[in-house]
Amino acid sequence: MLNKNQLTFLSIFTLFGFSGIAYFILSFSDAFAYIEIFEAQNLYLDIVYGLFGGAVLAGLGLLILQIPKLKKVGEFYQQIFTNIHLSWPDILFYSFCAGVGEEILFRGAIQPFLGIWVTAVLFVLLHGYISLKDKSKSIYGLYLIIVAAAFGYAYQYISIYTAMAAHFIYDVIMFSYLMRKNKAENHQNSAGE
């Protein structure tokens, strides 16, 4: 199980390390430049689109987790955070680091070479959301491939800031859902004692 210090370290590495890896990858390319990742026509509108789209995708993800056969998937992810008591600043920080760092690497540096769908599958596989031993986890993983592809299309057709904002708000909503469930269960357990 992760503890808060490990999660903080991983988040900081995701923000800076993944950005550095993206820079390294693109330094070998004549076709794609690192600075081009950050081009945008309308930064604020791009962010609003991302926040709206990411919230819709998170809402759909929460609905999917309510399907009886997939409830244990939500419980699995909830268990990861059982011993980590996150505050709102923690949730916002971790979500920001993942949204920025992962989008720069996957959408900005990997997607131009592998395409939207291969990058989405790679993203989900590397996060461990597909499991040969757990069919329900893999079904949810298939939904996450669609989510990752949506981030890819947001980057390709709008800007990296849309993908970052969508990823950020998706994670905020999912983190807060898991933490609320943990608090509710802890409250139930302490009331039952």
C-alpha atoms as a PDB file:
ATOM      1  CA  MET A   1       0.000   0.000   0.000  1.00  0.00           C
ATOM      2  CA  LEU A   2       1.091   3.531  -0.738  1.00  0.00           C
ATOM      3  CA  ASN A   3       1.639   6.030   2.014  1.00  0.00           C
ATOM      4  CA  LYS A   4       1.237   9.798   1.697  1.00  0.00           C
ATOM      5  CA  ASN A   5       4.985  10.496   1.359  1.00  0.00           C
ATOM      6  CA  GLN A   6       5.304   7.958  -1.473  1.00  0.00           C
ATOM      7  CA  LEU A   7       2.264   9.412  -3.227  1.00  0.00           C
ATOM      8  CA  THR A   8       3.710  12.916  -2.922  1.00  0.00           C
ATOM      9  CA  PHE A   9       7.075  11.767  -4.301  1.00  0.00           C
ATOM     10  CA  LEU A  10       5.409   9.954  -7.209  1.00  0.00           C
ATOM     11  CA  SER A  11       3.307  13.028  -7.972  1.00  0.00           C
ATOM     12  CA  ILE A  12       6.321  15.338  -8.048  1.00  0.00           C
ATOM     13  CA  PHE A  13       8.192  12.855 -10.236  1.00  0.00           C
ATOM     14  CA  THR A  14       5.183  12.659 -12.567  1.00  0.00           C
ATOM     15  CA  LEU A  15       5.091  16.438 -12.921  1.00  0.00           C
ATOM     16  CA  PHE A  16       8.797  17.055 -13.492  1.00  0.00           C
ATOM     17  CA  GLY A  17      10.183  13.648 -14.462  1.00  0.00           C
ATOM     18  CA  PHE A  18       7.550  12.903 -17.106  1.00  0.00           C
ATOM     19  CA  SER A  19       7.982  16.396 -18.547  1.00  0.00           C
ATOM     20  CA  GLY A  20      11.727  15.763 -18.729  1.00  0.00           C
ATOM     21  CA  ILE A  21      11.215  12.375 -20.377  1.00  0.00           C
ATOM     22  CA  ALA A  22       8.937  14.041 -22.942  1.00  0.00           C
ATOM     23  CA  TYR A  23      11.610  16.642 -23.654  1.00  0.00           C
ATOM     24  CA  PHE A  24      14.191  13.866 -24.048  1.00  0.00           C
ATOM     25  CA  ILE A  25      11.983  11.871 -26.446  1.00  0.00           C
ATOM     26  CA  LEU A  26      11.224  14.892 -28.608  1.00  0.00           C
ATOM     27  CA  SER A  27      14.866  15.967 -28.694  1.00  0.00           C
ATOM     28  CA  PHE A  28      15.397  13.073 -31.141  1.00  0.00           C
ATOM     29  CA  SER A  29      12.619  14.209 -33.467  1.00  0.00           C
ATOM     30  CA  ASP A  30      12.866  16.586 -36.386  1.00  0.00           C
ATOM     31  CA  ALA A  31       9.099  16.396 -36.931  1.00  0.00           C
ATOM     32  CA  PHE A  32       7.914  17.372 -33.425  1.00  0.00           C
ATOM     33  CA  ALA A  33       9.306  20.037 -31.099  1.00  0.00           C
ATOM     34  CA  TYR A  34       8.738  20.100 -27.337  1.00  0.00           C
ATOM     35  CA  ILE A  35       7.626  23.734 -27.374  1.00  0.00           C
ATOM     36  CA  GLU A  36       4.871  22.922 -29.897  1.00  0.00           C
ATOM     37  CA  ILE A  37       3.100  20.871 -27.219  1.00  0.00           C
ATOM     38  CA  PHE A  38       2.150  24.117 -25.477  1.00  0.00           C
ATOM     39  CA  GLU A  39       0.630  26.004 -28.404  1.00  0.00           C
ATOM     40  CA  ALA A  40      -2.967  27.164 -27.874  1.00  0.00           C
ATOM     41  CA  GLN A  41      -5.356  29.535 -29.620  1.00  0.00           C
ATOM     42  CA  ASN A  42      -7.527  30.361 -26.604  1.00  0.00           C
ATOM     43  CA  LEU A  43      -6.007  29.141 -23.335  1.00  0.00           C
ATOM     44  CA  TYR A  44      -8.932  29.949 -21.035  1.00  0.00           C
ATOM     45  CA  LEU A  45     -11.582  28.477 -23.294  1.00  0.00           C
ATOM     46  CA  ASP A  46      -9.414  25.379 -23.818  1.00  0.00           C
ATOM     47  CA  ILE A  47      -9.246  24.889 -20.046  1.00  0.00           C
ATOM     48  CA  VAL A  48     -13.024  25.337 -19.669  1.00  0.00           C
ATOM     49  CA  TYR A  49     -13.633  22.722 -22.392  1.00  0.00           C
ATOM     50  CA  GLY A  50     -11.276  20.348 -20.599  1.00  0.00           C
ATOM     51  CA  LEU A  51     -12.874  20.853 -17.193  1.00  0.00           C
ATOM     52  CA  PHE A  52     -16.343  20.258 -18.633  1.00  0.00           C
ATOM     53  CA  GLY A  53     -15.305  17.203 -20.678  1.00  0.00           C
ATOM     54  CA  GLY A  54     -13.302  15.676 -17.835  1.00  0.00           C
ATOM     55  CA  ALA A  55     -16.214  16.136 -15.418  1.00  0.00           C
ATOM     56  CA  VAL A  56     -18.579  14.399 -17.853  1.00  0.00           C
ATOM     57  CA  LEU A  57     -16.135  11.500 -18.299  1.00  0.00           C
ATOM     58  CA  ALA A  58     -15.681  11.195 -14.521  1.00  0.00           C
ATOM     59  CA  GLY A  59     -19.453  11.199 -14.026  1.00  0.00           C
ATOM     60  CA  LEU A  60     -19.799   8.380 -16.546  1.00  0.00           C
ATOM     61  CA  GLY A  61     -16.954   6.522 -14.833  1.00  0.00           C
ATOM     62  CA  LEU A  62     -18.730   6.803 -11.474  1.00  0.00           C
ATOM     63  CA  LEU A  63     -21.940   5.507 -13.030  1.00  0.00           C
ATOM     64  CA  ILE A  64     -20.046   2.555 -14.508  1.00  0.00           C
ATOM     65  CA  LEU A  65     -18.585   1.763 -11.072  1.00  0.00           C
ATOM     66  CA  GLN A  66     -22.150   1.471  -9.732  1.00  0.00           C
ATOM     67  CA  ILE A  67     -22.862  -1.498 -12.013  1.00  0.00           C
ATOM     68  CA  PRO A  68     -23.135  -4.469  -9.611  1.00  0.00           C
ATOM     69  CA  LYS A  69     -20.496  -6.559 -11.420  1.00  0.00           C
ATOM     70  CA  LEU A  70     -18.042  -3.625 -11.288  1.00  0.00           C
ATOM     71  CA  LYS A  71     -18.556  -2.508  -7.676  1.00  0.00           C
ATOM     72  CA  LYS A  72     -15.527  -4.528  -6.546  1.00  0.00           C
ATOM     73  CA  VAL A  73     -13.352  -2.463  -8.935  1.00  0.00           C
ATOM     74  CA  GLY A  74     -14.239   0.698  -7.031  1.00  0.00           C
ATOM     75  CA  GLU A  75     -13.606  -1.140  -3.777  1.00  0.00           C
ATOM     76  CA  PHE A  76     -10.171  -2.230  -5.058  1.00  0.00           C
ATOM     77  CA  TYR A  77      -9.147   1.365  -5.796  1.00  0.00           C
ATOM     78  CA  GLN A  78     -10.690   2.513  -2.536  1.00  0.00           C
ATOM     79  CA  GLN A  79      -8.469   0.033  -0.641  1.00  0.00           C
ATOM     80  CA  ILE A  80      -5.343   1.608  -2.131  1.00  0.00           C
ATOM     81  CA  PHE A  81      -6.185   4.850  -0.330  1.00  0.00           C
ATOM     82  CA  THR A  82      -7.533   3.347   2.900  1.00  0.00           C
ATOM     83  CA  ASN A  83      -4.571   4.429   5.034  1.00  0.00           C
ATOM     84  CA  ILE A  84      -3.939   7.725   3.269  1.00  0.00           C
ATOM     85  CA  HIS A  85      -5.975  10.576   4.682  1.00  0.00           C
ATOM     86  CA  LEU A  86      -6.060  13.169   1.935  1.00  0.00           C
ATOM     87  CA  SER A  87      -7.132  16.761   2.346  1.00  0.00           C
ATOM     88  CA  TRP A  88      -8.532  18.870  -0.482  1.00  0.00           C
ATOM     89  CA  PRO A  89      -5.108  20.490  -1.097  1.00  0.00           C
ATOM     90  CA  ASP A  90      -3.623  16.968  -1.395  1.00  0.00           C
ATOM     91  CA  ILE A  91      -6.274  15.907  -3.910  1.00  0.00           C
ATOM     92  CA  LEU A  92      -5.782  19.079  -5.964  1.00  0.00           C
ATOM     93  CA  PHE A  93      -1.977  18.728  -5.885  1.00  0.00           C
ATOM     94  CA  TYR A  94      -1.902  15.046  -6.878  1.00  0.00           C
ATOM     95  CA  SER A  95      -4.470  15.624  -9.616  1.00  0.00           C
ATOM     96  CA  PHE A  96      -2.557  18.625 -10.956  1.00  0.00           C
ATOM     97  CA  CYS A  97       0.728  16.692 -11.091  1.00  0.00           C
ATOM     98  CA  ALA A  98      -0.876  13.736 -12.900  1.00  0.00           C
ATOM     99  CA  GLY A  99      -2.881  15.928 -15.263  1.00  0.00           C
ATOM    100  CA  VAL A 100       0.103  18.014 -16.332  1.00  0.00           C
ATOM    101  CA  GLY A 101       2.958  15.496 -16.260  1.00  0.00           C
ATOM    102  CA  GLU A 102       1.117  12.540 -17.795  1.00  0.00           C
ATOM    103  CA  GLU A 103      -0.459  14.632 -20.550  1.00  0.00           C
ATOM    104  CA  ILE A 104       2.861  16.194 -21.546  1.00  0.00           C
ATOM    105  CA  LEU A 105       4.453  12.740 -21.787  1.00  0.00           C
ATOM    106  CA  PHE A 106       1.654  10.631 -23.234  1.00  0.00           C
ATOM    107  CA  ARG A 107      -0.241  13.098 -25.394  1.00  0.00           C
ATOM    108  CA  GLY A 108       2.577  15.525 -26.165  1.00  0.00           C
ATOM    109  CA  ALA A 109       5.533  13.192 -26.706  1.00  0.00           C
ATOM    110  CA  ILE A 110       4.242   9.650 -27.278  1.00  0.00           C
ATOM    111  CA  GLN A 111       0.984  10.241 -29.161  1.00  0.00           C
ATOM    112  CA  PRO A 112       2.616  11.985 -32.161  1.00  0.00           C
ATOM    113  CA  PHE A 113       4.553   8.769 -32.836  1.00  0.00           C
ATOM    114  CA  LEU A 114       2.045   6.062 -31.847  1.00  0.00           C
ATOM    115  CA  GLY A 115      -1.303   7.749 -32.507  1.00  0.00           C
ATOM    116  CA  ILE A 116      -4.247   8.387 -30.216  1.00  0.00           C
ATOM    117  CA  TRP A 117      -5.544   4.848 -29.679  1.00  0.00           C
ATOM    118  CA  VAL A 118      -2.223   3.043 -29.238  1.00  0.00           C
ATOM    119  CA  THR A 119      -1.156   5.745 -26.775  1.00  0.00           C
ATOM    120  CA  ALA A 120      -4.469   5.377 -24.909  1.00  0.00           C
ATOM    121  CA  VAL A 121      -4.018   1.601 -24.627  1.00  0.00           C
ATOM    122  CA  LEU A 122      -0.397   2.031 -23.505  1.00  0.00           C
ATOM    123  CA  PHE A 123      -1.473   4.617 -20.918  1.00  0.00           C
ATOM    124  CA  VAL A 124      -4.089   2.275 -19.428  1.00  0.00           C
ATOM    125  CA  LEU A 125      -1.783  -0.770 -19.507  1.00  0.00           C
ATOM    126  CA  LEU A 126       0.992   1.121 -17.704  1.00  0.00           C
ATOM    127  CA  HIS A 127      -1.481   2.200 -15.021  1.00  0.00           C
ATOM    128  CA  GLY A 128      -2.445  -1.445 -14.435  1.00  0.00           C
ATOM    129  CA  TYR A 129      -6.117  -1.035 -15.292  1.00  0.00           C
ATOM    130  CA  ILE A 130      -6.157  -4.118 -17.536  1.00  0.00           C
ATOM    131  CA  SER A 131      -5.790  -7.454 -15.766  1.00  0.00           C
ATOM    132  CA  LEU A 132      -5.942 -10.941 -17.231  1.00  0.00           C
ATOM    133  CA  LYS A 133      -6.925 -12.233 -13.778  1.00  0.00           C
ATOM    134  CA  ASP A 134      -9.703  -9.714 -13.099  1.00  0.00           C
ATOM    135  CA  LYS A 135     -12.362  -9.401 -15.795  1.00  0.00           C
ATOM    136  CA  SER A 136     -14.315  -6.604 -14.104  1.00  0.00           C
ATOM    137  CA  LYS A 137     -11.157  -4.514 -13.648  1.00  0.00           C
ATOM    138  CA  SER A 138     -10.410  -4.996 -17.358  1.00  0.00           C
ATOM    139  CA  ILE A 139     -13.940  -3.943 -18.317  1.00  0.00           C
ATOM    140  CA  TYR A 140     -13.412  -0.697 -16.422  1.00  0.00           C
ATOM    141  CA  GLY A 141      -9.978  -0.498 -18.071  1.00  0.00           C
ATOM    142  CA  LEU A 142     -11.696  -0.541 -21.473  1.00  0.00           C
ATOM    143  CA  TYR A 143     -13.697   2.505 -20.399  1.00  0.00           C
ATOM    144  CA  LEU A 144     -10.448   4.170 -19.310  1.00  0.00           C
ATOM    145  CA  ILE A 145      -8.992   3.549 -22.780  1.00  0.00           C
ATOM    146  CA  ILE A 146     -11.895   5.598 -24.148  1.00  0.00           C
ATOM    147  CA  VAL A 147     -11.187   8.292 -21.543  1.00  0.00           C
ATOM    148  CA  ALA A 148      -7.482   8.358 -22.459  1.00  0.00           C
ATOM    149  CA  ALA A 149      -8.373   8.516 -26.154  1.00  0.00           C
ATOM    150  CA  ALA A 150     -10.692  11.443 -25.381  1.00  0.00           C
ATOM    151  CA  PHE A 151      -7.723  13.217 -23.785  1.00  0.00           C
ATOM    152  CA  GLY A 152      -5.781  12.434 -26.970  1.00  0.00           C
ATOM    153  CA  TYR A 153      -8.461  13.922 -29.216  1.00  0.00           C
ATOM    154  CA  ALA A 154      -8.666  16.966 -26.927  1.00  0.00           C
ATOM    155  CA  TYR A 155      -4.936  17.478 -27.398  1.00  0.00           C
ATOM    156  CA  GLN A 156      -4.990  16.887 -31.138  1.00  0.00           C
ATOM    157  CA  TYR A 157      -7.980  19.081 -31.948  1.00  0.00           C
ATOM    158  CA  ILE A 158      -7.889  21.737 -29.218  1.00  0.00           C
ATOM    159  CA  SER A 159      -4.726  21.932 -27.089  1.00  0.00           C
ATOM    160  CA  ILE A 160      -2.663  20.247 -24.390  1.00  0.00           C
ATOM    161  CA  TYR A 161      -4.375  22.507 -21.849  1.00  0.00           C
ATOM    162  CA  THR A 162      -7.738  20.918 -22.663  1.00  0.00           C
ATOM    163  CA  ALA A 163      -6.278  17.445 -22.103  1.00  0.00           C
ATOM    164  CA  MET A 164      -4.558  18.577 -18.883  1.00  0.00           C
ATOM    165  CA  ALA A 165      -7.718  20.183 -17.502  1.00  0.00           C
ATOM    166  CA  ALA A 166      -9.820  17.129 -18.398  1.00  0.00           C
ATOM    167  CA  HIS A 167      -7.327  14.774 -16.754  1.00  0.00           C
ATOM    168  CA  PHE A 168      -7.039  17.038 -13.700  1.00  0.00           C
ATOM    169  CA  ILE A 169     -10.780  17.284 -13.024  1.00  0.00           C
ATOM    170  CA  TYR A 170     -11.284  13.566 -13.766  1.00  0.00           C
ATOM    171  CA  ASP A 171      -8.716  12.732 -11.085  1.00  0.00           C
ATOM    172  CA  VAL A 172     -10.139  15.292  -8.621  1.00  0.00           C
ATOM    173  CA  ILE A 173     -13.598  13.768  -8.942  1.00  0.00           C
ATOM    174  CA  MET A 174     -12.331  10.185  -8.655  1.00  0.00           C
ATOM    175  CA  PHE A 175     -10.023  10.961  -5.704  1.00  0.00           C
ATOM    176  CA  SER A 176     -12.809  12.762  -3.849  1.00  0.00           C
ATOM    177  CA  TYR A 177     -15.232   9.891  -4.535  1.00  0.00           C
ATOM    178  CA  LEU A 178     -12.769   7.330  -3.136  1.00  0.00           C
ATOM    179  CA  MET A 179     -12.032   9.472  -0.100  1.00  0.00           C
ATOM    180  CA  ARG A 180     -15.743  10.062   0.607  1.00  0.00           C
ATOM    181  CA  LYS A 181     -16.380   6.314   0.422  1.00  0.00           C
ATOM    182  CA  ASN A 182     -13.471   5.659   2.807  1.00  0.00           C
ATOM    183  CA  LYS A 183     -14.755   8.268   5.270  1.00  0.00           C
ATOM    184  CA  ALA A 184     -18.291   6.880   5.112  1.00  0.00           C
ATOM    185  CA  GLU A 185     -17.055   3.327   5.754  1.00  0.00           C
ATOM    186  CA  ASN A 186     -14.765   4.451   8.588  1.00  0.00           C
ATOM    187  CA  HIS A 187     -17.685   6.345  10.131  1.00  0.00           C
ATOM    188  CA  GLN A 188     -19.941   3.274   9.800  1.00  0.00           C
ATOM    189  CA  ASN A 189     -17.289   1.023  11.330  1.00  0.00           C
ATOM    190  CA  SER A 190     -16.673   3.353  14.282  1.00  0.00           C
ATOM    191  CA  ALA A 191     -20.421   3.810  14.856  1.00  0.00           C
ATOM    192  CA  GLY A 192     -20.892   0.031  14.852  1.00  0.00           C
ATOM    193  CA  GLU A 193     -18.277  -0.519  17.568  1.00  0.00           C
END
